[in-house]
Amino acid sequence: MKRLITLTVPAILAGTLAFAHGDNVHIRGVVTQVSAQSITVQTAAKATKTLTLTDKTTFQRSGKAARLDDVKVGDRVVIDVPVKTTNALLIQIGATAKPAPHK
């Protein structure tokens, strides 16, 4: 019985975490360009992603509602994007990226 519980509980938890992610992917990076129609982000892998802003796009900073005007070039962001689209659903604004130290 203990063996059954030991195998079942992790499987349920893993399924719950995967389901909670929903149908969105997270794009993390630094804003390189922002306009009324789109936002461009450079990811840690140095890939550039341009995402479309729609009337359904929402913004948050520190868990509170924000606006497009609050997004600045250099800000770190996490953007929820529905799978198979380039539409930004939720943009979470973080701190401004610090420049790399000089060597």
C-alpha atoms as a PDB file:
ATOM      1  CA  MET A   1       0.000   0.000   0.000  1.00  0.00           C
ATOM      2  CA  LYS A   2       2.810   2.407   0.859  1.00  0.00           C
ATOM      3  CA  ARG A   3       4.419   1.655  -2.479  1.00  0.00           C
ATOM      4  CA  LEU A   4       1.194   2.501  -4.300  1.00  0.00           C
ATOM      5  CA  ILE A   5       0.880   5.820  -2.471  1.00  0.00           C
ATOM      6  CA  THR A   6       4.565   6.582  -3.077  1.00  0.00           C
ATOM      7  CA  LEU A   7       4.066   6.105  -6.820  1.00  0.00           C
ATOM      8  CA  THR A   8       0.652   7.740  -7.133  1.00  0.00           C
ATOM      9  CA  VAL A   9       1.180  11.014  -5.262  1.00  0.00           C
ATOM     10  CA  PRO A  10       4.141  12.251  -7.374  1.00  0.00           C
ATOM     11  CA  ALA A  11       2.248  11.392 -10.581  1.00  0.00           C
ATOM     12  CA  ILE A  12      -0.772  13.399  -9.447  1.00  0.00           C
ATOM     13  CA  LEU A  13       1.378  16.367  -8.411  1.00  0.00           C
ATOM     14  CA  ALA A  14       3.290  16.362 -11.696  1.00  0.00           C
ATOM     15  CA  GLY A  15       0.035  16.287 -13.654  1.00  0.00           C
ATOM     16  CA  THR A  16      -1.382  19.153 -11.613  1.00  0.00           C
ATOM     17  CA  LEU A  17       1.687  21.324 -12.207  1.00  0.00           C
ATOM     18  CA  ALA A  18       1.644  20.624 -15.931  1.00  0.00           C
ATOM     19  CA  PHE A  19      -2.068  21.405 -16.172  1.00  0.00           C
ATOM     20  CA  ALA A  20      -1.689  24.649 -14.187  1.00  0.00           C
ATOM     21  CA  HIS A  21       0.657  25.950 -16.874  1.00  0.00           C
ATOM     22  CA  GLY A  22      -2.272  25.984 -19.286  1.00  0.00           C
ATOM     23  CA  ASP A  23      -1.918  26.604 -22.995  1.00  0.00           C
ATOM     24  CA  ASN A  24       0.597  29.428 -22.614  1.00  0.00           C
ATOM     25  CA  VAL A  25       4.339  29.589 -23.030  1.00  0.00           C
ATOM     26  CA  HIS A  26       6.462  32.054 -21.082  1.00  0.00           C
ATOM     27  CA  ILE A  27       8.843  34.339 -22.931  1.00  0.00           C
ATOM     28  CA  ARG A  28      11.431  35.764 -20.520  1.00  0.00           C
ATOM     29  CA  GLY A  29      13.866  38.455 -21.459  1.00  0.00           C
ATOM     30  CA  VAL A  30      14.768  42.118 -21.741  1.00  0.00           C
ATOM     31  CA  VAL A  31      12.653  44.594 -23.730  1.00  0.00           C
ATOM     32  CA  THR A  32      14.564  45.931 -26.740  1.00  0.00           C
ATOM     33  CA  GLN A  33      11.680  47.708 -28.461  1.00  0.00           C
ATOM     34  CA  VAL A  34       8.101  48.640 -27.580  1.00  0.00           C
ATOM     35  CA  SER A  35       5.293  50.247 -29.583  1.00  0.00           C
ATOM     36  CA  ALA A  36       1.518  50.433 -29.413  1.00  0.00           C
ATOM     37  CA  GLN A  37       1.287  47.315 -31.611  1.00  0.00           C
ATOM     38  CA  SER A  38       4.178  45.101 -30.440  1.00  0.00           C
ATOM     39  CA  ILE A  39       6.934  44.384 -27.965  1.00  0.00           C
ATOM     40  CA  THR A  40      10.331  42.914 -28.820  1.00  0.00           C
ATOM     41  CA  VAL A  41      12.267  40.916 -26.228  1.00  0.00           C
ATOM     42  CA  GLN A  42      15.777  39.473 -26.253  1.00  0.00           C
ATOM     43  CA  THR A  43      15.835  36.172 -24.378  1.00  0.00           C
ATOM     44  CA  ALA A  44      18.715  34.755 -22.345  1.00  0.00           C
ATOM     45  CA  ALA A  45      19.567  32.567 -25.343  1.00  0.00           C
ATOM     46  CA  LYS A  46      20.066  35.807 -27.355  1.00  0.00           C
ATOM     47  CA  ALA A  47      16.989  35.054 -29.470  1.00  0.00           C
ATOM     48  CA  THR A  48      14.786  38.005 -30.391  1.00  0.00           C
ATOM     49  CA  LYS A  49      11.021  37.574 -30.140  1.00  0.00           C
ATOM     50  CA  THR A  50       8.506  40.154 -31.368  1.00  0.00           C
ATOM     51  CA  LEU A  51       5.048  39.712 -29.903  1.00  0.00           C
ATOM     52  CA  THR A  52       1.797  41.371 -30.903  1.00  0.00           C
ATOM     53  CA  LEU A  53      -0.136  43.494 -28.408  1.00  0.00           C
ATOM     54  CA  THR A  54      -3.928  43.129 -28.609  1.00  0.00           C
ATOM     55  CA  ASP A  55      -6.916  44.511 -26.742  1.00  0.00           C
ATOM     56  CA  LYS A  56      -6.670  41.382 -24.548  1.00  0.00           C
ATOM     57  CA  THR A  57      -3.071  42.091 -23.484  1.00  0.00           C
ATOM     58  CA  THR A  58      -2.794  42.947 -19.782  1.00  0.00           C
ATOM     59  CA  PHE A  59       0.152  44.312 -17.813  1.00  0.00           C
ATOM     60  CA  GLN A  60       1.350  43.784 -14.242  1.00  0.00           C
ATOM     61  CA  ARG A  61       4.179  45.197 -12.127  1.00  0.00           C
ATOM     62  CA  SER A  62       4.714  43.700  -8.659  1.00  0.00           C
ATOM     63  CA  GLY A  63       1.365  41.915  -8.899  1.00  0.00           C
ATOM     64  CA  LYS A  64      -0.558  45.144  -9.522  1.00  0.00           C
ATOM     65  CA  ALA A  65      -2.203  46.372 -12.702  1.00  0.00           C
ATOM     66  CA  ALA A  66       0.073  48.346 -15.005  1.00  0.00           C
ATOM     67  CA  ARG A  67      -0.163  49.864 -18.497  1.00  0.00           C
ATOM     68  CA  LEU A  68       1.770  49.809 -21.747  1.00  0.00           C
ATOM     69  CA  ASP A  69       3.316  53.164 -20.784  1.00  0.00           C
ATOM     70  CA  ASP A  70       4.977  51.402 -17.826  1.00  0.00           C
ATOM     71  CA  VAL A  71       7.018  49.154 -20.143  1.00  0.00           C
ATOM     72  CA  LYS A  72      10.419  50.632 -21.012  1.00  0.00           C
ATOM     73  CA  VAL A  73      13.351  49.445 -23.112  1.00  0.00           C
ATOM     74  CA  GLY A  74      15.686  47.590 -20.753  1.00  0.00           C
ATOM     75  CA  ASP A  75      12.930  46.225 -18.492  1.00  0.00           C
ATOM     76  CA  ARG A  76      12.966  42.537 -17.686  1.00  0.00           C
ATOM     77  CA  VAL A  77       9.643  40.910 -18.564  1.00  0.00           C
ATOM     78  CA  VAL A  78       7.860  37.581 -18.491  1.00  0.00           C
ATOM     79  CA  ILE A  79       5.216  37.360 -21.194  1.00  0.00           C
ATOM     80  CA  ASP A  80       2.473  34.729 -21.371  1.00  0.00           C
ATOM     81  CA  VAL A  81       1.804  33.778 -24.983  1.00  0.00           C
ATOM     82  CA  PRO A  82      -0.837  31.254 -26.059  1.00  0.00           C
ATOM     83  CA  VAL A  83       0.646  28.284 -27.922  1.00  0.00           C
ATOM     84  CA  LYS A  84       0.815  28.694 -31.718  1.00  0.00           C
ATOM     85  CA  THR A  85       0.356  32.486 -31.596  1.00  0.00           C
ATOM     86  CA  THR A  86       2.534  35.547 -31.217  1.00  0.00           C
ATOM     87  CA  ASN A  87      -0.085  37.462 -29.199  1.00  0.00           C
ATOM     88  CA  ALA A  88       1.051  38.701 -25.791  1.00  0.00           C
ATOM     89  CA  LEU A  89      -1.596  37.802 -23.227  1.00  0.00           C
ATOM     90  CA  LEU A  90      -0.003  38.977 -19.965  1.00  0.00           C
ATOM     91  CA  ILE A  91       3.170  41.044 -19.619  1.00  0.00           C
ATOM     92  CA  GLN A  92       4.722  40.980 -16.161  1.00  0.00           C
ATOM     93  CA  ILE A  93       7.193  43.825 -15.802  1.00  0.00           C
ATOM     94  CA  GLY A  94      10.247  43.383 -13.596  1.00  0.00           C
ATOM     95  CA  ALA A  95      13.297  45.452 -12.824  1.00  0.00           C
ATOM     96  CA  THR A  96      15.416  47.177 -15.425  1.00  0.00           C
ATOM     97  CA  ALA A  97      18.295  44.960 -16.561  1.00  0.00           C
ATOM     98  CA  LYS A  98      21.657  46.016 -15.156  1.00  0.00           C
ATOM     99  CA  PRO A  99      24.558  46.331 -17.600  1.00  0.00           C
ATOM    100  CA  ALA A 100      27.225  43.644 -17.426  1.00  0.00           C
ATOM    101  CA  PRO A 101      30.291  44.611 -15.349  1.00  0.00           C
ATOM    102  CA  HIS A 102      33.360  45.735 -17.280  1.00  0.00           C
ATOM    103  CA  LYS A 103      36.327  43.404 -17.286  1.00  0.00           C
END
